[in-house]
Amino acid sequence: MSRRTLFTLVFATSASLIGCATDASTDATSGAGGKADGTTAAITFADDWSETQRGDLVAGSPVRITYDLDRLQDCRGSTNGSEVWGVGGYASFDGGEPVTFALSRLDGGVVKPVTAELEIPASAESVAIWFSISNRWGCIAYDSNDNANYEYGIQPIEQGAVLSFEADYSESQSGALTAGSQAVVHYAPERLAQCAASSSGNAKWSVTMHYKVDGGATKTMLVSRAEGSDLVASDAAFTVPRGNDLEVWFSSTNVYGCNAYDSNLNANYHYDID
């Protein structure tokens, strides 16, 4: 088979690298959600050096990465009855700083594969992916498609509703929330002005949205940005998860320790998901 490894480096001292396997019983994943039809895009990198894509990569949705560890044979080693190597991946969206993810774990001294799940940014148009293997002694080798990396196009996300939270404490919804679509949150920071603060001409406070679906895990995102000493709405976007009930609340904080909440009198704000 044709090997597409970039190069191998061996250092005299040990290094801590993303590919090194660690003792863990769960897959190393990030992100959640998926398409409205319940499917999740997936890319498989097989040991025969083939790559197979299932489903379209869509902005704001997850993609699963399955990697056969036999593609990278260099840098393997063991000590004291345990393997001391691991495999990891890198994903650069639109040429940005790479996101790193694990593709192996150590189970009883044996390196085993895991499937990674990455959340595609809502604004992404393309992604470049590559992989590395490393060990505790500092050896590292790459699978980078002959230095070209593995490139995939990303489809734009469907534009959805706008949830508005105005300075006069009114709320509005421009349309239905559809799972898998992109929703925009407009939040006027004046609603939580208790924590307003600035220093040297710069805003020193921020507003965060907290949200969860059907009582599940809570996620957060900033809904404000600084413009000099003022804080303004950032009109942040997020992908509407699958489920029935979207629960939302907000908090503001500043560098001096202030905390304030906008939680609809502790009931939070609830929205139906189609």
C-alpha atoms as a PDB file:
ATOM      1  CA  MET A   1       0.000   0.000   0.000  1.00  0.00           C
ATOM      2  CA  SER A   2       1.088   3.566  -0.605  1.00  0.00           C
ATOM      3  CA  ARG A   3       2.167   5.320   2.567  1.00  0.00           C
ATOM      4  CA  ARG A   4       1.300   8.974   2.867  1.00  0.00           C
ATOM      5  CA  THR A   5       3.320   9.909   5.905  1.00  0.00           C
ATOM      6  CA  LEU A   6       4.907  13.358   5.881  1.00  0.00           C
ATOM      7  CA  PHE A   7       7.988  12.548   7.932  1.00  0.00           C
ATOM      8  CA  THR A   8       9.202  11.050  11.178  1.00  0.00           C
ATOM      9  CA  LEU A   9      11.052  12.925  13.891  1.00  0.00           C
ATOM     10  CA  VAL A  10      12.810  11.321  16.823  1.00  0.00           C
ATOM     11  CA  PHE A  11      13.879  13.477  19.767  1.00  0.00           C
ATOM     12  CA  ALA A  12      16.261  12.515  22.506  1.00  0.00           C
ATOM     13  CA  THR A  13      13.902  13.698  25.225  1.00  0.00           C
ATOM     14  CA  SER A  14      10.254  12.884  25.811  1.00  0.00           C
ATOM     15  CA  ALA A  15       7.500  15.236  24.643  1.00  0.00           C
ATOM     16  CA  SER A  16       3.838  15.602  25.457  1.00  0.00           C
ATOM     17  CA  LEU A  17       1.932  15.360  22.174  1.00  0.00           C
ATOM     18  CA  ILE A  18      -1.722  14.982  21.289  1.00  0.00           C
ATOM     19  CA  GLY A  19      -1.217  11.553  19.764  1.00  0.00           C
ATOM     20  CA  CYS A  20       0.027   9.926  22.966  1.00  0.00           C
ATOM     21  CA  ALA A  21      -2.602   7.571  24.309  1.00  0.00           C
ATOM     22  CA  THR A  22      -3.814   8.000  27.849  1.00  0.00           C
ATOM     23  CA  ASP A  23      -5.782   5.709  30.117  1.00  0.00           C
ATOM     24  CA  ALA A  24      -9.431   6.389  29.420  1.00  0.00           C
ATOM     25  CA  SER A  25     -12.598   4.379  29.026  1.00  0.00           C
ATOM     26  CA  THR A  26     -14.492   6.860  26.859  1.00  0.00           C
ATOM     27  CA  ASP A  27     -14.007   8.212  23.369  1.00  0.00           C
ATOM     28  CA  ALA A  28     -12.371  11.615  23.030  1.00  0.00           C
ATOM     29  CA  THR A  29     -15.053  13.628  21.298  1.00  0.00           C
ATOM     30  CA  SER A  30     -16.271  17.161  21.062  1.00  0.00           C
ATOM     31  CA  GLY A  31     -19.468  18.726  19.875  1.00  0.00           C
ATOM     32  CA  ALA A  32     -23.027  17.450  19.672  1.00  0.00           C
ATOM     33  CA  GLY A  33     -26.160  17.884  17.636  1.00  0.00           C
ATOM     34  CA  GLY A  34     -26.302  16.871  14.005  1.00  0.00           C
ATOM     35  CA  LYS A  35     -28.608  17.195  11.043  1.00  0.00           C
ATOM     36  CA  ALA A  36     -32.319  17.528  11.451  1.00  0.00           C
ATOM     37  CA  ASP A  37     -32.868  14.053   9.957  1.00  0.00           C
ATOM     38  CA  GLY A  38     -30.812  12.505  12.766  1.00  0.00           C
ATOM     39  CA  THR A  39     -27.811  11.539  10.655  1.00  0.00           C
ATOM     40  CA  THR A  40     -24.267  12.673  11.320  1.00  0.00           C
ATOM     41  CA  ALA A  41     -21.680  13.122   8.579  1.00  0.00           C
ATOM     42  CA  ALA A  42     -18.694  10.777   8.867  1.00  0.00           C
ATOM     43  CA  ILE A  43     -15.276  10.353   7.280  1.00  0.00           C
ATOM     44  CA  THR A  44     -13.443   7.019   7.489  1.00  0.00           C
ATOM     45  CA  PHE A  45      -9.690   6.700   6.927  1.00  0.00           C
ATOM     46  CA  ALA A  46      -9.068   3.008   6.245  1.00  0.00           C
ATOM     47  CA  ASP A  47      -5.876   0.950   6.544  1.00  0.00           C
ATOM     48  CA  ASP A  48      -5.706   0.554   2.728  1.00  0.00           C
ATOM     49  CA  TRP A  49      -5.129   4.340   2.526  1.00  0.00           C
ATOM     50  CA  SER A  50      -8.621   5.022   1.214  1.00  0.00           C
ATOM     51  CA  GLU A  51     -10.864   7.780   2.541  1.00  0.00           C
ATOM     52  CA  THR A  52     -14.654   7.496   2.499  1.00  0.00           C
ATOM     53  CA  GLN A  53     -17.106  10.284   3.263  1.00  0.00           C
ATOM     54  CA  ARG A  54     -20.678   9.521   4.309  1.00  0.00           C
ATOM     55  CA  GLY A  55     -23.105  12.420   4.191  1.00  0.00           C
ATOM     56  CA  ASP A  56     -22.454  16.089   3.569  1.00  0.00           C
ATOM     57  CA  LEU A  57     -20.374  18.193   5.935  1.00  0.00           C
ATOM     58  CA  VAL A  58     -22.675  21.005   7.035  1.00  0.00           C
ATOM     59  CA  ALA A  59     -21.653  24.145   8.888  1.00  0.00           C
ATOM     60  CA  GLY A  60     -22.792  24.095  12.487  1.00  0.00           C
ATOM     61  CA  SER A  61     -23.227  20.303  12.552  1.00  0.00           C
ATOM     62  CA  PRO A  62     -20.918  17.540  13.802  1.00  0.00           C
ATOM     63  CA  VAL A  63     -18.712  15.220  11.777  1.00  0.00           C
ATOM     64  CA  ARG A  64     -17.360  11.892  13.011  1.00  0.00           C
ATOM     65  CA  ILE A  65     -13.787  10.886  12.213  1.00  0.00           C
ATOM     66  CA  THR A  66     -12.865   7.182  12.201  1.00  0.00           C
ATOM     67  CA  TYR A  67      -9.176   6.428  11.690  1.00  0.00           C
ATOM     68  CA  ASP A  68      -7.560   2.997  11.291  1.00  0.00           C
ATOM     69  CA  LEU A  69      -4.445   3.041  13.479  1.00  0.00           C
ATOM     70  CA  ASP A  70      -2.622   0.711  11.063  1.00  0.00           C
ATOM     71  CA  ARG A  71      -2.148   3.654   8.698  1.00  0.00           C
ATOM     72  CA  LEU A  72       0.677   4.871  10.952  1.00  0.00           C
ATOM     73  CA  GLN A  73       3.258   2.273  11.964  1.00  0.00           C
ATOM     74  CA  ASP A  74       6.178   4.482  12.995  1.00  0.00           C
ATOM     75  CA  CYS A  75       6.877   5.611  16.565  1.00  0.00           C
ATOM     76  CA  ARG A  76       5.268   2.605  18.217  1.00  0.00           C
ATOM     77  CA  GLY A  77       6.799   1.315  21.410  1.00  0.00           C
ATOM     78  CA  SER A  78       6.111  -0.158  24.801  1.00  0.00           C
ATOM     79  CA  THR A  79       7.643  -0.202  28.261  1.00  0.00           C
ATOM     80  CA  ASN A  80       6.854  -2.053  31.470  1.00  0.00           C
ATOM     81  CA  GLY A  81       4.248  -4.128  29.681  1.00  0.00           C
ATOM     82  CA  SER A  82       2.308  -1.167  28.313  1.00  0.00           C
ATOM     83  CA  GLU A  83       2.230   0.500  24.926  1.00  0.00           C
ATOM     84  CA  VAL A  84       3.353   4.128  25.066  1.00  0.00           C
ATOM     85  CA  TRP A  85       2.180   5.611  21.782  1.00  0.00           C
ATOM     86  CA  GLY A  86      -0.997   7.151  20.436  1.00  0.00           C
ATOM     87  CA  VAL A  87      -2.642   8.727  17.394  1.00  0.00           C
ATOM     88  CA  GLY A  88      -4.317  12.121  17.128  1.00  0.00           C
ATOM     89  CA  GLY A  89      -5.744  14.377  14.459  1.00  0.00           C
ATOM     90  CA  TYR A  90      -5.826  18.038  13.461  1.00  0.00           C
ATOM     91  CA  ALA A  91      -8.660  19.938  11.754  1.00  0.00           C
ATOM     92  CA  SER A  92      -8.139  23.421  10.335  1.00  0.00           C
ATOM     93  CA  PHE A  93     -11.359  25.192   9.348  1.00  0.00           C
ATOM     94  CA  ASP A  94     -10.896  27.823   6.619  1.00  0.00           C
ATOM     95  CA  GLY A  95      -7.138  27.849   7.252  1.00  0.00           C
ATOM     96  CA  GLY A  96      -7.497  28.748  10.916  1.00  0.00           C
ATOM     97  CA  GLU A  97      -5.707  27.465  14.003  1.00  0.00           C
ATOM     98  CA  PRO A  98      -6.018  23.647  14.041  1.00  0.00           C
ATOM     99  CA  VAL A  99      -8.381  21.912  16.424  1.00  0.00           C
ATOM    100  CA  THR A 100      -6.759  18.795  17.891  1.00  0.00           C
ATOM    101  CA  PHE A 101      -8.559  15.551  18.736  1.00  0.00           C
ATOM    102  CA  ALA A 102      -7.618  12.093  19.995  1.00  0.00           C
ATOM    103  CA  LEU A 103      -8.100   8.969  17.908  1.00  0.00           C
ATOM    104  CA  SER A 104      -6.715   6.404  20.354  1.00  0.00           C
ATOM    105  CA  ARG A 105      -6.900   5.524  24.035  1.00  0.00           C
ATOM    106  CA  LEU A 106      -4.950   3.229  26.332  1.00  0.00           C
ATOM    107  CA  ASP A 107      -6.972   0.294  27.664  1.00  0.00           C
ATOM    108  CA  GLY A 108      -5.135  -2.180  29.893  1.00  0.00           C
ATOM    109  CA  GLY A 109      -1.802  -1.225  28.371  1.00  0.00           C
ATOM    110  CA  VAL A 110      -3.053  -1.663  24.799  1.00  0.00           C
ATOM    111  CA  VAL A 111      -3.710   1.210  22.395  1.00  0.00           C
ATOM    112  CA  LYS A 112      -7.214   1.057  20.935  1.00  0.00           C
ATOM    113  CA  PRO A 113      -8.966   3.311  18.396  1.00  0.00           C
ATOM    114  CA  VAL A 114     -11.701   5.799  19.240  1.00  0.00           C
ATOM    115  CA  THR A 115     -14.013   7.753  16.978  1.00  0.00           C
ATOM    116  CA  ALA A 116     -13.752  11.528  17.311  1.00  0.00           C
ATOM    117  CA  GLU A 117     -16.703  13.858  16.825  1.00  0.00           C
ATOM    118  CA  LEU A 118     -16.012  17.465  15.860  1.00  0.00           C
ATOM    119  CA  GLU A 119     -18.432  20.369  15.776  1.00  0.00           C
ATOM    120  CA  ILE A 120     -18.105  22.263  12.482  1.00  0.00           C
ATOM    121  CA  PRO A 121     -18.173  26.046  13.042  1.00  0.00           C
ATOM    122  CA  ALA A 122     -21.338  27.727  11.773  1.00  0.00           C
ATOM    123  CA  SER A 123     -19.346  29.972   9.405  1.00  0.00           C
ATOM    124  CA  ALA A 124     -16.920  27.335   8.054  1.00  0.00           C
ATOM    125  CA  GLU A 125     -16.627  26.709   4.312  1.00  0.00           C
ATOM    126  CA  SER A 126     -13.825  24.116   4.212  1.00  0.00           C
ATOM    127  CA  VAL A 127     -11.698  21.923   6.457  1.00  0.00           C
ATOM    128  CA  ALA A 128      -8.209  20.439   6.139  1.00  0.00           C
ATOM    129  CA  ILE A 129      -7.495  17.309   8.199  1.00  0.00           C
ATOM    130  CA  TRP A 130      -4.248  15.475   8.981  1.00  0.00           C
ATOM    131  CA  PHE A 131      -2.970  13.011  11.561  1.00  0.00           C
ATOM    132  CA  SER A 132       0.052  12.136  13.680  1.00  0.00           C
ATOM    133  CA  ILE A 133       1.412   9.294  15.765  1.00  0.00           C
ATOM    134  CA  SER A 134       3.745   9.956  18.690  1.00  0.00           C
ATOM    135  CA  ASN A 135       5.309   8.188  21.633  1.00  0.00           C
ATOM    136  CA  ARG A 136       6.611   9.079  25.081  1.00  0.00           C
ATOM    137  CA  TRP A 137      10.192   9.422  23.818  1.00  0.00           C
ATOM    138  CA  GLY A 138       9.368  12.248  21.419  1.00  0.00           C
ATOM    139  CA  CYS A 139       9.061  10.391  18.115  1.00  0.00           C
ATOM    140  CA  ILE A 140       6.349  11.794  15.850  1.00  0.00           C
ATOM    141  CA  ALA A 141       5.217  10.877  12.332  1.00  0.00           C
ATOM    142  CA  TYR A 142       2.446  12.305  10.151  1.00  0.00           C
ATOM    143  CA  ASP A 143      -0.236  11.185   7.723  1.00  0.00           C
ATOM    144  CA  SER A 144      -0.820  14.339   5.695  1.00  0.00           C
ATOM    145  CA  ASN A 145      -1.761  13.212   2.167  1.00  0.00           C
ATOM    146  CA  ASP A 146       1.714  13.985   0.822  1.00  0.00           C
ATOM    147  CA  ASN A 147       1.757  17.405   2.547  1.00  0.00           C
ATOM    148  CA  ALA A 148      -1.542  18.402   0.912  1.00  0.00           C
ATOM    149  CA  ASN A 149      -3.717  17.341   3.885  1.00  0.00           C
ATOM    150  CA  TYR A 150      -7.215  15.940   3.394  1.00  0.00           C
ATOM    151  CA  GLU A 151      -9.493  18.724   2.160  1.00  0.00           C
ATOM    152  CA  TYR A 152     -13.296  18.724   2.384  1.00  0.00           C
ATOM    153  CA  GLY A 153     -15.887  21.288   1.421  1.00  0.00           C
ATOM    154  CA  ILE A 154     -18.564  22.354   3.899  1.00  0.00           C
ATOM    155  CA  GLN A 155     -22.125  23.248   2.986  1.00  0.00           C
ATOM    156  CA  PRO A 156     -23.625  26.422   4.485  1.00  0.00           C
ATOM    157  CA  ILE A 157     -26.101  25.987   7.285  1.00  0.00           C
ATOM    158  CA  GLU A 158     -29.776  26.748   6.791  1.00  0.00           C
ATOM    159  CA  GLN A 159     -30.598  30.184   8.194  1.00  0.00           C
ATOM    160  CA  GLY A 160     -33.238  29.997  10.886  1.00  0.00           C
ATOM    161  CA  ALA A 161     -34.989  32.167  13.442  1.00  0.00           C
ATOM    162  CA  VAL A 162     -33.769  35.209  15.352  1.00  0.00           C
ATOM    163  CA  LEU A 163     -34.389  35.271  19.108  1.00  0.00           C
ATOM    164  CA  SER A 164     -34.370  38.873  20.318  1.00  0.00           C
ATOM    165  CA  PHE A 165     -34.004  40.089  23.885  1.00  0.00           C
ATOM    166  CA  GLU A 166     -34.384  43.861  23.877  1.00  0.00           C
ATOM    167  CA  ALA A 167     -33.273  46.524  26.342  1.00  0.00           C
ATOM    168  CA  ASP A 168     -36.903  47.171  27.366  1.00  0.00           C
ATOM    169  CA  TYR A 169     -37.115  43.539  28.585  1.00  0.00           C
ATOM    170  CA  SER A 170     -39.286  42.419  25.692  1.00  0.00           C
ATOM    171  CA  GLU A 171     -38.579  39.185  23.808  1.00  0.00           C
ATOM    172  CA  SER A 172     -39.488  38.137  20.272  1.00  0.00           C
ATOM    173  CA  GLN A 173     -38.977  35.199  17.914  1.00  0.00           C
ATOM    174  CA  SER A 174     -38.839  35.797  14.151  1.00  0.00           C
ATOM    175  CA  GLY A 175     -39.718  32.245  13.073  1.00  0.00           C
ATOM    176  CA  ALA A 176     -39.774  28.578  13.972  1.00  0.00           C
ATOM    177  CA  LEU A 177     -36.706  26.909  15.476  1.00  0.00           C
ATOM    178  CA  THR A 178     -35.787  23.954  13.281  1.00  0.00           C
ATOM    179  CA  ALA A 179     -33.302  21.331  14.440  1.00  0.00           C
ATOM    180  CA  GLY A 180     -30.092  21.597  12.444  1.00  0.00           C
ATOM    181  CA  SER A 181     -30.692  25.177  11.337  1.00  0.00           C
ATOM    182  CA  GLN A 182     -28.758  28.230  12.468  1.00  0.00           C
ATOM    183  CA  ALA A 183     -30.495  30.526  14.931  1.00  0.00           C
ATOM    184  CA  VAL A 184     -29.283  34.012  15.829  1.00  0.00           C
ATOM    185  CA  VAL A 185     -29.522  35.490  19.316  1.00  0.00           C
ATOM    186  CA  HIS A 186     -29.785  39.270  19.626  1.00  0.00           C
ATOM    187  CA  TYR A 187     -29.301  40.277  23.248  1.00  0.00           C
ATOM    188  CA  ALA A 188     -29.159  43.890  24.414  1.00  0.00           C
ATOM    189  CA  PRO A 189     -26.518  44.084  27.162  1.00  0.00           C
ATOM    190  CA  GLU A 190     -28.524  46.851  28.842  1.00  0.00           C
ATOM    191  CA  ARG A 191     -30.802  44.128  30.209  1.00  0.00           C
ATOM    192  CA  LEU A 192     -27.951  43.125  32.550  1.00  0.00           C
ATOM    193  CA  ALA A 193     -26.324  46.487  33.154  1.00  0.00           C
ATOM    194  CA  GLN A 194     -25.766  45.688  36.848  1.00  0.00           C
ATOM    195  CA  CYS A 195     -22.304  44.419  35.916  1.00  0.00           C
ATOM    196  CA  ALA A 196     -21.395  47.150  33.427  1.00  0.00           C
ATOM    197  CA  ALA A 197     -17.774  48.177  33.890  1.00  0.00           C
ATOM    198  CA  SER A 198     -14.934  49.707  31.890  1.00  0.00           C
ATOM    199  CA  SER A 199     -11.319  50.620  32.400  1.00  0.00           C
ATOM    200  CA  SER A 200      -8.827  52.565  30.281  1.00  0.00           C
ATOM    201  CA  GLY A 201     -11.430  52.998  27.562  1.00  0.00           C
ATOM    202  CA  ASN A 202     -12.245  49.264  27.314  1.00  0.00           C
ATOM    203  CA  ALA A 203     -15.343  47.355  28.373  1.00  0.00           C
ATOM    204  CA  LYS A 204     -14.569  44.979  31.244  1.00  0.00           C
ATOM    205  CA  TRP A 205     -17.777  42.960  31.307  1.00  0.00           C
ATOM    206  CA  SER A 206     -19.609  40.473  29.095  1.00  0.00           C
ATOM    207  CA  VAL A 207     -22.912  38.657  28.656  1.00  0.00           C
ATOM    208  CA  THR A 208     -23.172  34.884  28.155  1.00  0.00           C
ATOM    209  CA  MET A 209     -26.114  32.803  26.975  1.00  0.00           C
ATOM    210  CA  HIS A 210     -26.713  29.433  28.624  1.00  0.00           C
ATOM    211  CA  TYR A 211     -28.911  26.895  26.888  1.00  0.00           C
ATOM    212  CA  LYS A 212     -29.936  23.257  27.008  1.00  0.00           C
ATOM    213  CA  VAL A 213     -32.430  20.982  25.296  1.00  0.00           C
ATOM    214  CA  ASP A 214     -34.940  18.766  27.082  1.00  0.00           C
ATOM    215  CA  GLY A 215     -33.129  19.237  30.391  1.00  0.00           C
ATOM    216  CA  GLY A 216     -29.816  17.919  29.030  1.00  0.00           C
ATOM    217  CA  ALA A 217     -26.287  19.269  29.313  1.00  0.00           C
ATOM    218  CA  THR A 218     -25.862  23.035  29.411  1.00  0.00           C
ATOM    219  CA  LYS A 219     -23.896  24.834  26.699  1.00  0.00           C
ATOM    220  CA  THR A 220     -22.783  28.454  26.632  1.00  0.00           C
ATOM    221  CA  MET A 221     -21.858  31.154  24.126  1.00  0.00           C
ATOM    222  CA  LEU A 222     -21.015  34.834  24.323  1.00  0.00           C
ATOM    223  CA  VAL A 223     -23.745  37.143  23.040  1.00  0.00           C
ATOM    224  CA  SER A 224     -21.866  40.417  23.479  1.00  0.00           C
ATOM    225  CA  ARG A 225     -18.755  42.120  22.169  1.00  0.00           C
ATOM    226  CA  ALA A 226     -16.799  45.180  23.232  1.00  0.00           C
ATOM    227  CA  GLU A 227     -16.694  48.372  21.205  1.00  0.00           C
ATOM    228  CA  GLY A 228     -14.240  50.466  23.158  1.00  0.00           C
ATOM    229  CA  SER A 229     -15.786  51.147  26.547  1.00  0.00           C
ATOM    230  CA  ASP A 230     -19.244  50.008  25.365  1.00  0.00           C
ATOM    231  CA  LEU A 231     -20.661  46.502  25.292  1.00  0.00           C
ATOM    232  CA  VAL A 232     -22.949  45.735  22.329  1.00  0.00           C
ATOM    233  CA  ALA A 233     -24.933  42.763  21.051  1.00  0.00           C
ATOM    234  CA  SER A 234     -22.810  40.371  18.982  1.00  0.00           C
ATOM    235  CA  ASP A 235     -25.824  38.680  17.307  1.00  0.00           C
ATOM    236  CA  ALA A 236     -24.184  35.318  17.882  1.00  0.00           C
ATOM    237  CA  ALA A 237     -25.369  32.237  15.981  1.00  0.00           C
ATOM    238  CA  PHE A 238     -25.745  28.655  17.139  1.00  0.00           C
ATOM    239  CA  THR A 239     -27.000  25.412  15.663  1.00  0.00           C
ATOM    240  CA  VAL A 240     -30.404  24.390  16.975  1.00  0.00           C
ATOM    241  CA  PRO A 241     -29.977  20.922  18.514  1.00  0.00           C
ATOM    242  CA  ARG A 242     -32.395  18.058  18.051  1.00  0.00           C
ATOM    243  CA  GLY A 243     -35.089  17.866  20.700  1.00  0.00           C
ATOM    244  CA  ASN A 244     -38.346  19.461  21.761  1.00  0.00           C
ATOM    245  CA  ASP A 245     -37.710  22.229  24.300  1.00  0.00           C
ATOM    246  CA  LEU A 246     -34.927  24.815  24.096  1.00  0.00           C
ATOM    247  CA  GLU A 247     -34.290  26.396  27.499  1.00  0.00           C
ATOM    248  CA  VAL A 248     -32.351  29.671  27.601  1.00  0.00           C
ATOM    249  CA  TRP A 249     -31.045  32.091  30.252  1.00  0.00           C
ATOM    250  CA  PHE A 250     -28.297  34.708  30.470  1.00  0.00           C
ATOM    251  CA  SER A 251     -25.613  35.890  32.860  1.00  0.00           C
ATOM    252  CA  SER A 252     -23.302  38.892  32.982  1.00  0.00           C
ATOM    253  CA  THR A 253     -19.945  39.100  34.707  1.00  0.00           C
ATOM    254  CA  ASN A 254     -17.160  41.630  35.023  1.00  0.00           C
ATOM    255  CA  VAL A 255     -13.502  41.551  35.986  1.00  0.00           C
ATOM    256  CA  TYR A 256     -14.350  42.770  39.483  1.00  0.00           C
ATOM    257  CA  GLY A 257     -16.448  39.731  40.391  1.00  0.00           C
ATOM    258  CA  CYS A 258     -19.972  40.967  39.659  1.00  0.00           C
ATOM    259  CA  ASN A 259     -22.522  38.336  38.584  1.00  0.00           C
ATOM    260  CA  ALA A 260     -26.090  38.986  37.430  1.00  0.00           C
ATOM    261  CA  TYR A 261     -28.735  36.823  35.756  1.00  0.00           C
ATOM    262  CA  ASP A 262     -31.605  37.216  33.325  1.00  0.00           C
ATOM    263  CA  SER A 263     -33.642  34.045  33.839  1.00  0.00           C
ATOM    264  CA  ASN A 264     -37.268  35.053  33.324  1.00  0.00           C
ATOM    265  CA  LEU A 265     -37.815  35.183  37.104  1.00  0.00           C
ATOM    266  CA  ASN A 266     -36.032  31.814  37.533  1.00  0.00           C
ATOM    267  CA  ALA A 267     -38.323  30.110  35.002  1.00  0.00           C
ATOM    268  CA  ASN A 268     -35.850  30.585  32.097  1.00  0.00           C
ATOM    269  CA  TYR A 269     -36.993  31.200  28.519  1.00  0.00           C
ATOM    270  CA  HIS A 270     -38.465  28.205  26.682  1.00  0.00           C
ATOM    271  CA  TYR A 271     -38.856  27.689  22.937  1.00  0.00           C
ATOM    272  CA  ASP A 272     -40.330  24.834  20.916  1.00  0.00           C
ATOM    273  CA  ILE A 273     -38.064  23.039  18.441  1.00  0.00           C
ATOM    274  CA  ASP A 274     -39.593  21.680  15.225  1.00  0.00           C
END
